[in-house]
């Protein structure tokens, strides 16, 4: 897999201006190119997502391909709930997918998978 997730940091007024332009184009019936990626208003906000601990999780998921969140927590030596919380956040921003895995009784185990092979950080100046 060679998918790159782009994380962009741009000032709030720039993001709002882009939204305004897109909204006007859609209202006028024009086609608008789809933009993919994640946007933050500050480098601190992006840094809060991409902590060393979360980046380590992504690497372990990529390299070890754990069959469940529980297995991932064991591999990284962390509490299950903390790992699960980090995975939910990473999933929200498109960095991780939680695939339906095997059934264990009444539960369906979710297997974490990375959704990209690299992350590109672009900062507007």
PDB file of N, CA and C in Angstrom:
ATOM      1  N   UNK A   1       0.840  -1.162   0.000  1.00  0.00           N
ATOM      2  CA  UNK A   1       0.000   0.000   0.000  1.00  0.00           C
ATOM      3  C   UNK A   1       0.894   1.237   0.000  1.00  0.00           C
ATOM      4  N   UNK A   2       0.642   2.161  -0.900  1.00  0.00           N
ATOM      5  CA  UNK A   2       1.410   3.403  -0.927  1.00  0.00           C
ATOM      6  C   UNK A   2       0.472   4.605  -0.913  1.00  0.00           C
ATOM      7  N   UNK A   3      -0.422   4.627   0.042  1.00  0.00           N
ATOM      8  CA  UNK A   3      -1.343   5.747   0.175  1.00  0.00           C
ATOM      9  C   UNK A   3      -0.759   6.743   1.166  1.00  0.00           C
ATOM     10  N   UNK A   4      -0.799   8.015   0.794  1.00  0.00           N
ATOM     11  CA  UNK A   4      -0.306   9.074   1.659  1.00  0.00           C
ATOM     12  C   UNK A   4      -1.481   9.875   2.190  1.00  0.00           C
ATOM     13  N   UNK A   5      -1.546  10.037   3.494  1.00  0.00           N
ATOM     14  CA  UNK A   5      -2.542  10.905   4.109  1.00  0.00           C
ATOM     15  C   UNK A   5      -1.878  12.250   4.329  1.00  0.00           C
ATOM     16  N   UNK A   6      -2.490  13.304   3.812  1.00  0.00           N
ATOM     17  CA  UNK A   6      -1.933  14.637   3.951  1.00  0.00           C
ATOM     18  C   UNK A   6      -2.618  15.369   5.096  1.00  0.00           C
ATOM     19  N   UNK A   7      -1.826  15.866   6.002  1.00  0.00           N
ATOM     20  CA  UNK A   7      -2.322  16.696   7.099  1.00  0.00           C
ATOM     21  C   UNK A   7      -1.842  18.109   6.817  1.00  0.00           C
ATOM     22  N   UNK A   8      -2.791  19.031   6.726  1.00  0.00           N
ATOM     23  CA  UNK A   8      -2.459  20.422   6.418  1.00  0.00           C
ATOM     24  C   UNK A   8      -2.721  21.302   7.632  1.00  0.00           C
ATOM     25  N   UNK A   9      -1.808  22.225   7.853  1.00  0.00           N
ATOM     26  CA  UNK A   9      -1.975  23.222   8.905  1.00  0.00           C
ATOM     27  C   UNK A   9      -2.091  24.560   8.202  1.00  0.00           C
ATOM     28  N   UNK A  10      -3.236  25.219   8.404  1.00  0.00           N
ATOM     29  CA  UNK A  10      -3.423  26.545   7.821  1.00  0.00           C
ATOM     30  C   UNK A  10      -4.232  27.392   8.778  1.00  0.00           C
ATOM     31  N   UNK A  11      -4.066  28.688   8.660  1.00  0.00           N
ATOM     32  CA  UNK A  11      -4.759  29.622   9.548  1.00  0.00           C
ATOM     33  C   UNK A  11      -6.268  29.471   9.384  1.00  0.00           C
ATOM     34  N   UNK A  12      -6.991  29.729  10.455  1.00  0.00           N
ATOM     35  CA  UNK A  12      -8.440  29.579  10.453  1.00  0.00           C
ATOM     36  C   UNK A  12      -9.086  30.443   9.382  1.00  0.00           C
ATOM     37  N   UNK A  13      -8.618  31.680   9.205  1.00  0.00           N
ATOM     38  CA  UNK A  13      -9.232  32.547   8.192  1.00  0.00           C
ATOM     39  C   UNK A  13      -9.031  31.983   6.782  1.00  0.00           C
ATOM     40  N   UNK A  14      -7.908  31.310   6.534  1.00  0.00           N
ATOM     41  CA  UNK A  14      -7.681  30.680   5.228  1.00  0.00           C
ATOM     42  C   UNK A  14      -8.635  29.508   5.018  1.00  0.00           C
ATOM     43  N   UNK A  15      -8.834  28.718   6.051  1.00  0.00           N
ATOM     44  CA  UNK A  15      -9.755  27.584   5.954  1.00  0.00           C
ATOM     45  C   UNK A  15     -11.177  28.070   5.715  1.00  0.00           C
ATOM     46  N   UNK A  16     -11.583  29.124   6.420  1.00  0.00           N
ATOM     47  CA  UNK A  16     -12.932  29.674   6.234  1.00  0.00           C
ATOM     48  C   UNK A  16     -13.108  30.261   4.840  1.00  0.00           C
ATOM     49  N   UNK A  17     -12.072  30.896   4.316  1.00  0.00           N
ATOM     50  CA  UNK A  17     -12.149  31.449   2.961  1.00  0.00           C
ATOM     51  C   UNK A  17     -12.296  30.320   1.938  1.00  0.00           C
ATOM     52  N   UNK A  18     -11.578  29.226   2.133  1.00  0.00           N
ATOM     53  CA  UNK A  18     -11.726  28.069   1.247  1.00  0.00           C
ATOM     54  C   UNK A  18     -13.123  27.488   1.311  1.00  0.00           C
ATOM     55  N   UNK A  19     -13.683  27.412   2.508  1.00  0.00           N
ATOM     56  CA  UNK A  19     -15.051  26.920   2.672  1.00  0.00           C
ATOM     57  C   UNK A  19     -16.036  27.845   1.966  1.00  0.00           C
ATOM     58  N   UNK A  20     -15.851  29.158   2.137  1.00  0.00           N
ATOM     59  CA  UNK A  20     -16.742  30.144   1.520  1.00  0.00           C
ATOM     60  C   UNK A  20     -16.710  30.018  -0.009  1.00  0.00           C
ATOM     61  N   UNK A  21     -15.526  29.878  -0.573  1.00  0.00           N
ATOM     62  CA  UNK A  21     -15.379  29.736  -2.024  1.00  0.00           C
ATOM     63  C   UNK A  21     -16.068  28.466  -2.518  1.00  0.00           C
ATOM     64  N   UNK A  22     -15.855  27.369  -1.813  1.00  0.00           N
ATOM     65  CA  UNK A  22     -16.486  26.100  -2.186  1.00  0.00           C
ATOM     66  C   UNK A  22     -17.997  26.192  -2.082  1.00  0.00           C
ATOM     67  N   UNK A  23     -18.498  26.798  -1.015  1.00  0.00           N
ATOM     68  CA  UNK A  23     -19.942  26.935  -0.815  1.00  0.00           C
ATOM     69  C   UNK A  23     -20.570  27.744  -1.943  1.00  0.00           C
ATOM     70  N   UNK A  24     -19.924  28.842  -2.347  1.00  0.00           N
ATOM     71  CA  UNK A  24     -20.449  29.667  -3.445  1.00  0.00           C
ATOM     72  C   UNK A  24     -20.473  28.881  -4.752  1.00  0.00           C
ATOM     73  N   UNK A  25     -19.437  28.102  -5.009  1.00  0.00           N
ATOM     74  CA  UNK A  25     -19.377  27.306  -6.236  1.00  0.00           C
ATOM     75  C   UNK A  25     -20.486  26.263  -6.264  1.00  0.00           C
ATOM     76  N   UNK A  26     -20.729  25.594  -5.152  1.00  0.00           N
ATOM     77  CA  UNK A  26     -21.789  24.586  -5.078  1.00  0.00           C
ATOM     78  C   UNK A  26     -23.151  25.247  -5.244  1.00  0.00           C
ATOM     79  N   UNK A  27     -23.346  26.400  -4.604  1.00  0.00           N
ATOM     80  CA  UNK A  27     -24.620  27.118  -4.711  1.00  0.00           C
ATOM     81  C   UNK A  27     -24.887  27.566  -6.144  1.00  0.00           C
ATOM     82  N   UNK A  28     -23.827  27.831  -6.900  1.00  0.00           N
ATOM     83  CA  UNK A  28     -23.969  28.246  -8.299  1.00  0.00           C
ATOM     84  C   UNK A  28     -24.092  27.055  -9.239  1.00  0.00           C
ATOM     85  N   UNK A  29     -24.076  25.846  -8.692  1.00  0.00           N
ATOM     86  CA  UNK A  29     -24.234  24.649  -9.509  1.00  0.00           C
ATOM     87  C   UNK A  29     -22.957  24.168 -10.168  1.00  0.00           C
ATOM     88  N   UNK A  30     -21.836  24.676  -9.748  1.00  0.00           N
ATOM     89  CA  UNK A  30     -20.558  24.271 -10.332  1.00  0.00           C
ATOM     90  C   UNK A  30     -20.050  23.002  -9.651  1.00  0.00           C
ATOM     91  N   UNK A  31     -19.289  22.228 -10.410  1.00  0.00           N
ATOM     92  CA  UNK A  31     -18.654  21.039  -9.831  1.00  0.00           C
ATOM     93  C   UNK A  31     -17.438  21.484  -9.027  1.00  0.00           C
ATOM     94  N   UNK A  32     -17.247  20.827  -7.915  1.00  0.00           N
ATOM     95  CA  UNK A  32     -16.125  21.161  -7.037  1.00  0.00           C
ATOM     96  C   UNK A  32     -15.260  19.919  -6.868  1.00  0.00           C
ATOM     97  N   UNK A  33     -13.956  20.090  -7.047  1.00  0.00           N
ATOM     98  CA  UNK A  33     -13.029  18.966  -6.880  1.00  0.00           C
ATOM     99  C   UNK A  33     -13.005  18.545  -5.417  1.00  0.00           C
ATOM    100  N   UNK A  34     -13.023  17.246  -5.200  1.00  0.00           N
ATOM    101  CA  UNK A  34     -12.990  16.716  -3.842  1.00  0.00           C
ATOM    102  C   UNK A  34     -11.586  16.862  -3.269  1.00  0.00           C
ATOM    103  N   UNK A  35     -11.523  17.353  -2.046  1.00  0.00           N
ATOM    104  CA  UNK A  35     -10.233  17.490  -1.365  1.00  0.00           C
ATOM    105  C   UNK A  35     -10.175  16.473  -0.240  1.00  0.00           C
ATOM    106  N   UNK A  36      -9.119  15.707  -0.235  1.00  0.00           N
ATOM    107  CA  UNK A  36      -8.943  14.727   0.831  1.00  0.00           C
ATOM    108  C   UNK A  36      -7.813  15.171   1.735  1.00  0.00           C
ATOM    109  N   UNK A  37      -7.915  14.776   2.962  1.00  0.00           N
ATOM    110  CA  UNK A  37      -6.872  15.110   3.917  1.00  0.00           C
ATOM    111  C   UNK A  37      -7.474  15.570   5.220  1.00  0.00           C
ATOM    112  N   UNK A  38      -6.602  15.949   6.110  1.00  0.00           N
ATOM    113  CA  UNK A  38      -6.995  16.409   7.432  1.00  0.00           C
ATOM    114  C   UNK A  38      -6.445  17.820   7.587  1.00  0.00           C
ATOM    115  N   UNK A  39      -7.262  18.703   8.148  1.00  0.00           N
ATOM    116  CA  UNK A  39      -6.871  20.099   8.305  1.00  0.00           C
ATOM    117  C   UNK A  39      -6.880  20.497   9.776  1.00  0.00           C
ATOM    118  N   UNK A  40      -5.864  21.248  10.167  1.00  0.00           N
ATOM    119  CA  UNK A  40      -5.782  21.797  11.516  1.00  0.00           C
ATOM    120  C   UNK A  40      -5.477  23.282  11.426  1.00  0.00           C
ATOM    121  N   UNK A  41      -5.920  24.035  12.431  1.00  0.00           N
ATOM    122  CA  UNK A  41      -5.696  25.478  12.463  1.00  0.00           C
ATOM    123  C   UNK A  41      -4.340  25.839  13.076  1.00  0.00           C
ATOM    124  N   UNK A  42      -3.690  24.883  13.733  1.00  0.00           N
ATOM    125  CA  UNK A  42      -2.387  25.177  14.337  1.00  0.00           C
ATOM    126  C   UNK A  42      -1.520  23.921  14.344  1.00  0.00           C
ATOM    127  N   UNK A  43      -0.222  24.146  14.421  1.00  0.00           N
ATOM    128  CA  UNK A  43       0.713  23.031  14.486  1.00  0.00           C
ATOM    129  C   UNK A  43       0.542  22.279  15.807  1.00  0.00           C
ATOM    130  N   UNK A  44       0.148  22.987  16.857  1.00  0.00           N
ATOM    131  CA  UNK A  44      -0.073  22.338  18.155  1.00  0.00           C
ATOM    132  C   UNK A  44      -1.206  21.321  18.071  1.00  0.00           C
ATOM    133  N   UNK A  45      -2.265  21.671  17.343  1.00  0.00           N
ATOM    134  CA  UNK A  45      -3.396  20.749  17.193  1.00  0.00           C
ATOM    135  C   UNK A  45      -2.964  19.495  16.436  1.00  0.00           C
ATOM    136  N   UNK A  46      -2.163  19.662  15.388  1.00  0.00           N
ATOM    137  CA  UNK A  46      -1.655  18.509  14.640  1.00  0.00           C
ATOM    138  C   UNK A  46      -0.731  17.676  15.524  1.00  0.00           C
ATOM    139  N   UNK A  47       0.072  18.345  16.327  1.00  0.00           N
ATOM    140  CA  UNK A  47       0.998  17.652  17.228  1.00  0.00           C
ATOM    141  C   UNK A  47       0.243  16.848  18.285  1.00  0.00           C
ATOM    142  N   UNK A  48      -0.918  17.346  18.715  1.00  0.00           N
ATOM    143  CA  UNK A  48      -1.735  16.613  19.689  1.00  0.00           C
ATOM    144  C   UNK A  48      -2.268  15.308  19.110  1.00  0.00           C
ATOM    145  N   UNK A  49      -2.492  15.267  17.800  1.00  0.00           N
ATOM    146  CA  UNK A  49      -2.926  14.026  17.154  1.00  0.00           C
ATOM    147  C   UNK A  49      -1.747  13.077  16.962  1.00  0.00           C
ATOM    148  N   UNK A  50      -0.649  13.604  16.475  1.00  0.00           N
ATOM    149  CA  UNK A  50       0.501  12.772  16.107  1.00  0.00           C
ATOM    150  C   UNK A  50       1.529  12.711  17.234  1.00  0.00           C
ATOM    151  N   UNK A  51       1.110  12.198  18.373  1.00  0.00           N
ATOM    152  CA  UNK A  51       2.035  12.046  19.501  1.00  0.00           C
ATOM    153  C   UNK A  51       2.981  10.877  19.230  1.00  0.00           C
ATOM    154  N   UNK A  52       4.132  10.847  19.878  1.00  0.00           N
ATOM    155  CA  UNK A  52       5.036   9.701  19.706  1.00  0.00           C
ATOM    156  C   UNK A  52       4.362   8.369  20.045  1.00  0.00           C
ATOM    157  N   UNK A  53       3.500   8.359  21.048  1.00  0.00           N
ATOM    158  CA  UNK A  53       2.809   7.123  21.441  1.00  0.00           C
ATOM    159  C   UNK A  53       1.874   6.647  20.337  1.00  0.00           C
ATOM    160  N   UNK A  54       1.141   7.572  19.724  1.00  0.00           N
ATOM    161  CA  UNK A  54       0.215   7.188  18.648  1.00  0.00           C
ATOM    162  C   UNK A  54       0.974   6.783  17.387  1.00  0.00           C
ATOM    163  N   UNK A  55       2.079   7.451  17.098  1.00  0.00           N
ATOM    164  CA  UNK A  55       2.891   7.042  15.947  1.00  0.00           C
ATOM    165  C   UNK A  55       3.464   5.645  16.170  1.00  0.00           C
ATOM    166  N   UNK A  56       3.846   5.341  17.400  1.00  0.00           N
ATOM    167  CA  UNK A  56       4.334   3.993  17.720  1.00  0.00           C
ATOM    168  C   UNK A  56       3.233   2.962  17.505  1.00  0.00           C
ATOM    169  N   UNK A  57       1.993   3.302  17.884  1.00  0.00           N
ATOM    170  CA  UNK A  57       0.863   2.396  17.632  1.00  0.00           C
ATOM    171  C   UNK A  57       0.730   2.105  16.143  1.00  0.00           C
ATOM    172  N   UNK A  58       0.808   3.156  15.327  1.00  0.00           N
ATOM    173  CA  UNK A  58       0.682   2.972  13.876  1.00  0.00           C
ATOM    174  C   UNK A  58       1.765   2.033  13.345  1.00  0.00           C
ATOM    175  N   UNK A  59       2.977   2.191  13.835  1.00  0.00           N
ATOM    176  CA  UNK A  59       4.080   1.330  13.371  1.00  0.00           C
ATOM    177  C   UNK A  59       3.874  -0.126  13.780  1.00  0.00           C
ATOM    178  N   UNK A  60       3.407  -0.344  15.004  1.00  0.00           N
ATOM    179  CA  UNK A  60       3.165  -1.719  15.464  1.00  0.00           C
ATOM    180  C   UNK A  60       2.027  -2.341  14.663  1.00  0.00           C
ATOM    181  N   UNK A  61       0.976  -1.578  14.396  1.00  0.00           N
ATOM    182  CA  UNK A  61      -0.138  -2.101  13.587  1.00  0.00           C
ATOM    183  C   UNK A  61       0.372  -2.487  12.204  1.00  0.00           C
ATOM    184  N   UNK A  62       1.184  -1.611  11.607  1.00  0.00           N
ATOM    185  CA  UNK A  62       1.729  -1.892  10.273  1.00  0.00           C
ATOM    186  C   UNK A  62       2.621  -3.131  10.276  1.00  0.00           C
ATOM    187  N   UNK A  63       3.509  -3.231  11.243  1.00  0.00           N
ATOM    188  CA  UNK A  63       4.503  -4.308  11.250  1.00  0.00           C
ATOM    189  C   UNK A  63       3.975  -5.646  11.761  1.00  0.00           C
ATOM    190  N   UNK A  64       3.160  -5.625  12.803  1.00  0.00           N
ATOM    191  CA  UNK A  64       2.717  -6.866  13.454  1.00  0.00           C
ATOM    192  C   UNK A  64       1.325  -7.321  13.043  1.00  0.00           C
ATOM    193  N   UNK A  65       0.519  -6.424  12.475  1.00  0.00           N
ATOM    194  CA  UNK A  65      -0.857  -6.732  12.039  1.00  0.00           C
ATOM    195  C   UNK A  65      -1.630  -7.508  13.116  1.00  0.00           C
ATOM    196  N   UNK A  66      -1.827  -6.889  14.281  1.00  0.00           N
ATOM    197  CA  UNK A  66      -2.532  -7.579  15.367  1.00  0.00           C
ATOM    198  C   UNK A  66      -3.967  -7.921  14.974  1.00  0.00           C
ATOM    199  N   UNK A  67      -4.460  -9.029  15.492  1.00  0.00           N
ATOM    200  CA  UNK A  67      -5.806  -9.491  15.165  1.00  0.00           C
ATOM    201  C   UNK A  67      -6.898  -8.839  15.977  1.00  0.00           C
ATOM    202  N   UNK A  68      -6.510  -8.035  16.976  1.00  0.00           N
ATOM    203  CA  UNK A  68      -7.511  -7.381  17.824  1.00  0.00           C
ATOM    204  C   UNK A  68      -6.875  -6.197  18.545  1.00  0.00           C
ATOM    205  N   UNK A  69      -7.726  -5.354  19.108  1.00  0.00           N
ATOM    206  CA  UNK A  69      -7.245  -4.232  19.910  1.00  0.00           C
ATOM    207  C   UNK A  69      -6.537  -4.763  21.159  1.00  0.00           C
ATOM    208  N   UNK A  70      -7.083  -5.815  21.737  1.00  0.00           N
ATOM    209  CA  UNK A  70      -6.479  -6.433  22.923  1.00  0.00           C
ATOM    210  C   UNK A  70      -5.052  -6.906  22.614  1.00  0.00           C
ATOM    211  N   UNK A  71      -4.893  -7.567  21.470  1.00  0.00           N
ATOM    212  CA  UNK A  71      -3.560  -8.048  21.071  1.00  0.00           C
ATOM    213  C   UNK A  71      -2.603  -6.876  20.870  1.00  0.00           C
ATOM    214  N   UNK A  72      -3.093  -5.796  20.267  1.00  0.00           N
ATOM    215  CA  UNK A  72      -2.267  -4.603  20.075  1.00  0.00           C
ATOM    216  C   UNK A  72      -1.835  -4.024  21.422  1.00  0.00           C
ATOM    217  N   UNK A  73      -2.769  -3.939  22.368  1.00  0.00           N
ATOM    218  CA  UNK A  73      -2.442  -3.415  23.699  1.00  0.00           C
ATOM    219  C   UNK A  73      -1.348  -4.251  24.354  1.00  0.00           C
ATOM    220  N   UNK A  74      -1.418  -5.571  24.199  1.00  0.00           N
ATOM    221  CA  UNK A  74      -0.381  -6.455  24.755  1.00  0.00           C
ATOM    222  C   UNK A  74       0.969  -6.209  24.071  1.00  0.00           C
ATOM    223  N   UNK A  75       0.939  -6.035  22.742  1.00  0.00           N
ATOM    224  CA  UNK A  75       2.182  -5.817  21.999  1.00  0.00           C
ATOM    225  C   UNK A  75       2.898  -4.539  22.433  1.00  0.00           C
ATOM    226  N   UNK A  76       2.127  -3.490  22.734  1.00  0.00           N
ATOM    227  CA  UNK A  76       2.750  -2.215  23.097  1.00  0.00           C
ATOM    228  C   UNK A  76       2.872  -2.026  24.608  1.00  0.00           C
ATOM    229  N   UNK A  77       2.348  -2.990  25.384  1.00  0.00           N
ATOM    230  CA  UNK A  77       2.458  -2.910  26.834  1.00  0.00           C
ATOM    231  C   UNK A  77       1.661  -1.773  27.450  1.00  0.00           C
ATOM    232  N   UNK A  78       0.493  -1.505  26.889  1.00  0.00           N
ATOM    233  CA  UNK A  78      -0.365  -0.427  27.394  1.00  0.00           C
ATOM    234  C   UNK A  78      -1.725  -0.969  27.795  1.00  0.00           C
ATOM    235  N   UNK A  79      -2.454  -0.182  28.568  1.00  0.00           N
ATOM    236  CA  UNK A  79      -3.799  -0.526  28.995  1.00  0.00           C
ATOM    237  C   UNK A  79      -4.746  -0.561  27.796  1.00  0.00           C
ATOM    238  N   UNK A  80      -5.639  -1.554  27.769  1.00  0.00           N
ATOM    239  CA  UNK A  80      -6.581  -1.737  26.667  1.00  0.00           C
ATOM    240  C   UNK A  80      -7.397  -0.473  26.404  1.00  0.00           C
ATOM    241  N   UNK A  81      -7.964   0.129  27.445  1.00  0.00           N
ATOM    242  CA  UNK A  81      -8.832   1.308  27.278  1.00  0.00           C
ATOM    243  C   UNK A  81      -8.072   2.484  26.671  1.00  0.00           C
ATOM    244  N   UNK A  82      -6.826   2.675  27.075  1.00  0.00           N
ATOM    245  CA  UNK A  82      -6.027   3.765  26.513  1.00  0.00           C
ATOM    246  C   UNK A  82      -5.733   3.528  25.035  1.00  0.00           C
ATOM    247  N   UNK A  83      -5.401   2.292  24.686  1.00  0.00           N
ATOM    248  CA  UNK A  83      -5.146   1.948  23.281  1.00  0.00           C
ATOM    249  C   UNK A  83      -6.425   2.114  22.472  1.00  0.00           C
ATOM    250  N   UNK A  84      -7.537   1.655  23.018  1.00  0.00           N
ATOM    251  CA  UNK A  84      -8.822   1.777  22.326  1.00  0.00           C
ATOM    252  C   UNK A  84      -9.169   3.250  22.079  1.00  0.00           C
ATOM    253  N   UNK A  85      -8.933   4.109  23.062  1.00  0.00           N
ATOM    254  CA  UNK A  85      -9.187   5.542  22.906  1.00  0.00           C
ATOM    255  C   UNK A  85      -8.322   6.156  21.822  1.00  0.00           C
ATOM    256  N   UNK A  86      -7.033   5.794  21.809  1.00  0.00           N
ATOM    257  CA  UNK A  86      -6.138   6.293  20.764  1.00  0.00           C
ATOM    258  C   UNK A  86      -6.589   5.813  19.388  1.00  0.00           C
ATOM    259  N   UNK A  87      -7.007   4.558  19.283  1.00  0.00           N
ATOM    260  CA  UNK A  87      -7.453   4.022  17.995  1.00  0.00           C
ATOM    261  C   UNK A  87      -8.706   4.725  17.499  1.00  0.00           C
ATOM    262  N   UNK A  88      -9.632   5.031  18.394  1.00  0.00           N
ATOM    263  CA  UNK A  88     -10.847   5.747  17.984  1.00  0.00           C
ATOM    264  C   UNK A  88     -10.498   7.119  17.426  1.00  0.00           C
ATOM    265  N   UNK A  89      -9.555   7.808  18.056  1.00  0.00           N
ATOM    266  CA  UNK A  89      -9.122   9.110  17.564  1.00  0.00           C
ATOM    267  C   UNK A  89      -8.422   8.980  16.215  1.00  0.00           C
ATOM    268  N   UNK A  90      -7.518   8.013  16.094  1.00  0.00           N
ATOM    269  CA  UNK A  90      -6.816   7.799  14.827  1.00  0.00           C
ATOM    270  C   UNK A  90      -7.784   7.395  13.719  1.00  0.00           C
ATOM    271  N   UNK A  91      -8.814   6.643  14.062  1.00  0.00           N
ATOM    272  CA  UNK A  91      -9.835   6.258  13.081  1.00  0.00           C
ATOM    273  C   UNK A  91     -10.631   7.480  12.637  1.00  0.00           C
ATOM    274  N   UNK A  92     -10.962   8.354  13.563  1.00  0.00           N
ATOM    275  CA  UNK A  92     -11.724   9.574  13.254  1.00  0.00           C
ATOM    276  C   UNK A  92     -11.004  10.424  12.206  1.00  0.00           C
ATOM    277  N   UNK A  93      -9.675  10.463  12.275  1.00  0.00           N
ATOM    278  CA  UNK A  93      -8.897  11.272  11.343  1.00  0.00           C
ATOM    279  C   UNK A  93      -8.394  10.483  10.135  1.00  0.00           C
ATOM    280  N   UNK A  94      -8.833   9.253   9.973  1.00  0.00           N
ATOM    281  CA  UNK A  94      -8.522   8.484   8.777  1.00  0.00           C
ATOM    282  C   UNK A  94      -7.173   7.797   8.759  1.00  0.00           C
ATOM    283  N   UNK A  95      -6.524   7.681   9.906  1.00  0.00           N
ATOM    284  CA  UNK A  95      -5.217   7.036   9.961  1.00  0.00           C
ATOM    285  C   UNK A  95      -5.307   5.532  10.197  1.00  0.00           C
ATOM    286  N   UNK A  96      -6.427   5.089  10.768  1.00  0.00           N
ATOM    287  CA  UNK A  96      -6.616   3.679  11.122  1.00  0.00           C
ATOM    288  C   UNK A  96      -8.016   3.248  10.719  1.00  0.00           C
ATOM    289  N   UNK A  97      -8.137   1.988  10.316  1.00  0.00           N
ATOM    290  CA  UNK A  97      -9.444   1.347  10.100  1.00  0.00           C
ATOM    291  C   UNK A  97      -9.572   0.235  11.127  1.00  0.00           C
ATOM    292  N   UNK A  98     -10.768   0.072  11.651  1.00  0.00           N
ATOM    293  CA  UNK A  98     -11.026  -1.045  12.558  1.00  0.00           C
ATOM    294  C   UNK A  98     -11.892  -2.044  11.807  1.00  0.00           C
ATOM    295  N   UNK A  99     -11.250  -3.053  11.228  1.00  0.00           N
ATOM    296  CA  UNK A  99     -11.949  -4.060  10.425  1.00  0.00           C
ATOM    297  C   UNK A  99     -12.641  -5.074  11.319  1.00  0.00           C
ATOM    298  N   UNK A 100     -13.792  -5.514  10.870  1.00  0.00           N
ATOM    299  CA  UNK A 100     -14.478  -6.587  11.595  1.00  0.00           C
ATOM    300  C   UNK A 100     -13.654  -7.854  11.436  1.00  0.00           C
ATOM    301  N   UNK A 101     -13.297  -8.424  12.556  1.00  0.00           N
ATOM    302  CA  UNK A 101     -12.493  -9.641  12.555  1.00  0.00           C
ATOM    303  C   UNK A 101     -13.332 -10.848  12.916  1.00  0.00           C
ATOM    304  N   UNK A 102     -12.735 -11.761  13.603  1.00  0.00           N
ATOM    305  CA  UNK A 102     -13.409 -13.008  13.968  1.00  0.00           C
ATOM    306  C   UNK A 102     -14.425 -12.771  15.085  1.00  0.00           C
ATOM    307  N   UNK A 103     -15.341 -13.692  15.229  1.00  0.00           N
ATOM    308  CA  UNK A 103     -16.331 -13.643  16.316  1.00  0.00           C
ATOM    309  C   UNK A 103     -15.804 -14.440  17.499  1.00  0.00           C
ATOM    310  N   UNK A 104     -16.005 -13.891  18.682  1.00  0.00           N
ATOM    311  CA  UNK A 104     -15.691 -14.627  19.906  1.00  0.00           C
ATOM    312  C   UNK A 104     -16.945 -14.590  20.767  1.00  0.00           C
ATOM    313  N   UNK A 105     -17.728 -15.635  20.664  1.00  0.00           N
ATOM    314  CA  UNK A 105     -19.000 -15.659  21.387  1.00  0.00           C
ATOM    315  C   UNK A 105     -19.957 -14.655  20.785  1.00  0.00           C
ATOM    316  N   UNK A 106     -20.445 -13.740  21.602  1.00  0.00           N
ATOM    317  CA  UNK A 106     -21.393 -12.731  21.123  1.00  0.00           C
ATOM    318  C   UNK A 106     -20.701 -11.503  20.543  1.00  0.00           C
ATOM    319  N   UNK A 107     -19.402 -11.382  20.782  1.00  0.00           N
ATOM    320  CA  UNK A 107     -18.673 -10.193  20.340  1.00  0.00           C
ATOM    321  C   UNK A 107     -17.979 -10.421  19.007  1.00  0.00           C
ATOM    322  N   UNK A 108     -17.833  -9.322  18.274  1.00  0.00           N
ATOM    323  CA  UNK A 108     -17.035  -9.337  17.053  1.00  0.00           C
ATOM    324  C   UNK A 108     -15.751  -8.581  17.358  1.00  0.00           C
ATOM    325  N   UNK A 109     -14.627  -9.234  17.169  1.00  0.00           N
ATOM    326  CA  UNK A 109     -13.326  -8.632  17.436  1.00  0.00           C
ATOM    327  C   UNK A 109     -12.985  -7.685  16.292  1.00  0.00           C
ATOM    328  N   UNK A 110     -12.478  -6.506  16.628  1.00  0.00           N
ATOM    329  CA  UNK A 110     -12.073  -5.534  15.611  1.00  0.00           C
ATOM    330  C   UNK A 110     -10.560  -5.574  15.457  1.00  0.00           C
ATOM    331  N   UNK A 111     -10.124  -5.742  14.210  1.00  0.00           N
ATOM    332  CA  UNK A 111      -8.694  -5.807  13.918  1.00  0.00           C
ATOM    333  C   UNK A 111      -8.231  -4.453  13.380  1.00  0.00           C
ATOM    334  N   UNK A 112      -7.306  -3.773  14.063  1.00  0.00           N
ATOM    335  CA  UNK A 112      -6.831  -2.474  13.579  1.00  0.00           C
ATOM    336  C   UNK A 112      -5.905  -2.628  12.379  1.00  0.00           C
ATOM    337  N   UNK A 113      -6.073  -1.732  11.410  1.00  0.00           N
ATOM    338  CA  UNK A 113      -5.215  -1.689  10.228  1.00  0.00           C
ATOM    339  C   UNK A 113      -4.889  -0.238   9.911  1.00  0.00           C
ATOM    340  N   UNK A 114      -3.667   0.012   9.491  1.00  0.00           N
ATOM    341  CA  UNK A 114      -3.318   1.378   9.092  1.00  0.00           C
ATOM    342  C   UNK A 114      -3.977   1.671   7.751  1.00  0.00           C
ATOM    343  N   UNK A 115      -4.428   2.904   7.589  1.00  0.00           N
ATOM    344  CA  UNK A 115      -5.137   3.291   6.375  1.00  0.00           C
ATOM    345  C   UNK A 115      -4.214   3.957   5.361  1.00  0.00           C
ATOM    346  N   UNK A 116      -2.959   4.169   5.729  1.00  0.00           N
ATOM    347  CA  UNK A 116      -2.012   4.805   4.815  1.00  0.00           C
ATOM    348  C   UNK A 116      -0.614   4.279   5.118  1.00  0.00           C
ATOM    349  N   UNK A 117       0.273   4.476   4.170  1.00  0.00           N
ATOM    350  CA  UNK A 117       1.645   4.019   4.386  1.00  0.00           C
ATOM    351  C   UNK A 117       2.562   5.161   4.807  1.00  0.00           C
ATOM    352  N   UNK A 118       2.103   6.392   4.600  1.00  0.00           N
ATOM    353  CA  UNK A 118       2.893   7.535   5.047  1.00  0.00           C
ATOM    354  C   UNK A 118       1.981   8.721   5.318  1.00  0.00           C
ATOM    355  N   UNK A 119       2.502   9.643   6.112  1.00  0.00           N
ATOM    356  CA  UNK A 119       1.771  10.851   6.479  1.00  0.00           C
ATOM    357  C   UNK A 119       2.595  12.037   6.000  1.00  0.00           C
ATOM    358  N   UNK A 120       1.953  12.931   5.246  1.00  0.00           N
ATOM    359  CA  UNK A 120       2.620  14.149   4.789  1.00  0.00           C
ATOM    360  C   UNK A 120       2.044  15.326   5.567  1.00  0.00           C
ATOM    361  N   UNK A 121       2.906  16.138   6.133  1.00  0.00           N
ATOM    362  CA  UNK A 121       2.480  17.311   6.886  1.00  0.00           C
ATOM    363  C   UNK A 121       2.837  18.549   6.077  1.00  0.00           C
ATOM    364  N   UNK A 122       1.812  19.334   5.732  1.00  0.00           N
ATOM    365  CA  UNK A 122       2.030  20.561   4.962  1.00  0.00           C
ATOM    366  C   UNK A 122       1.581  21.738   5.814  1.00  0.00           C
ATOM    367  N   UNK A 123       2.468  22.715   5.942  1.00  0.00           N
ATOM    368  CA  UNK A 123       2.182  23.876   6.773  1.00  0.00           C
ATOM    369  C   UNK A 123       2.217  25.125   5.900  1.00  0.00           C
ATOM    370  N   UNK A 124       1.082  25.836   5.857  1.00  0.00           N
ATOM    371  CA  UNK A 124       1.023  27.090   5.108  1.00  0.00           C
ATOM    372  C   UNK A 124       1.744  28.173   5.907  1.00  0.00           C
ATOM    373  N   UNK A 125       2.503  29.011   5.194  1.00  0.00           N
ATOM    374  CA  UNK A 125       3.191  30.109   5.895  1.00  0.00           C
ATOM    375  C   UNK A 125       2.666  31.443   5.420  1.00  0.00           C
TER     376      UNK A 125
END
